[in-house]
Amino acid sequence: MTTQNSSSLVKFSVDDLGIGLLTLNDPATQNSMSLSMMDALAAINPVIRGTPDLRVLIVTGTGPAFSAGGNVHDMLERRGVFSPEDPIAARDINLNKVHAIPRAIYELPIPTIAAVNGHAIGGGCDVALMCDMRIASDKAVFAESFLRVGLLPGDGGAWFLPRVVGLSRAMEMALTCDFIDAQQAERIGLVSRVVPHAQLLDETYAVAKRIARHPLQIARMTKRLIQFGSNSTLHDTLEMTAAMQAITQTSEEHKVAARKIAESITRKNR
């Protein structure tokens, strides 16, 4: 049975395998990162975290776009996150509203996959980068295009992008604001694979199922360890590994998983 929790701007559901689907749902604005969308994502975060047995979360968009990023009409009309004219107030709304999104998505304990169904531009590109993996439709387009509207990557993109594509590529994307199609995104490592548009969710669910079959808590710890290792020294990572491995190798999840493998090998050898 599928459980659901939805608002007008985001939809969240979970199937019997523990695979969640979070859908950005504002096609009229190409799922732009408006203040209302940010509030909706922040509000759904504790629901996602509080969902028992959630193993994987897929993030996608409704309509032809994944997310067009910041809403240019909000910029021109000075509303939403662009309403403060005082720099201190503008800083605070970035800290409290805009930055709640990278914290909410990147810091989820479960593995996350962005199923990029169309344009992922500016903040939309960065939302995809906040996920652990990205699978793109062959219709997907990416751009780190903040400079086009006289802004900089204000939602964490300056941290996420170079970690995904390397410093030189990140500089090129951010400073040229060039649009990158799905095939080029795959070549530079921005996405792990490109699939036909009609098969995007099926292919993403197939990957999610291969993740969901593994021990829930140890998969979450694996994600955390890799995140830690990507930003730490070898010494500190080995220290963290030893502590985490001590927990996993004495856990019932490990014993059950090892027993299943041993039984499978025995059956094959008969």
Foldseek 3Di string as FASTA:
>chain_A
DKDWDDDQQWIWIADPLLEIEIEGHDVVQLSEPFLVNLVRLLVCLVVNLPDPLRAEYEYAYPDAFRYAYHRVVCCVVQDGLRVDPDVVVNVVCLVPGLQSLLCSQLVRLHAYEYLGLAEQEQVSLVSRLSHPAYEYEQRYKYANAQVVVPGASSRCCVPRVCLQQNDVVSCCRRVVRDMDGPVVCCVRRSHVYYDHNVCRVVVVVVVSSVRSVADRVVNSVVSVLVVVVSPDDPVVSVVSVVVSVVVVVPDPSNVVVVVVVVVVVVVVVD
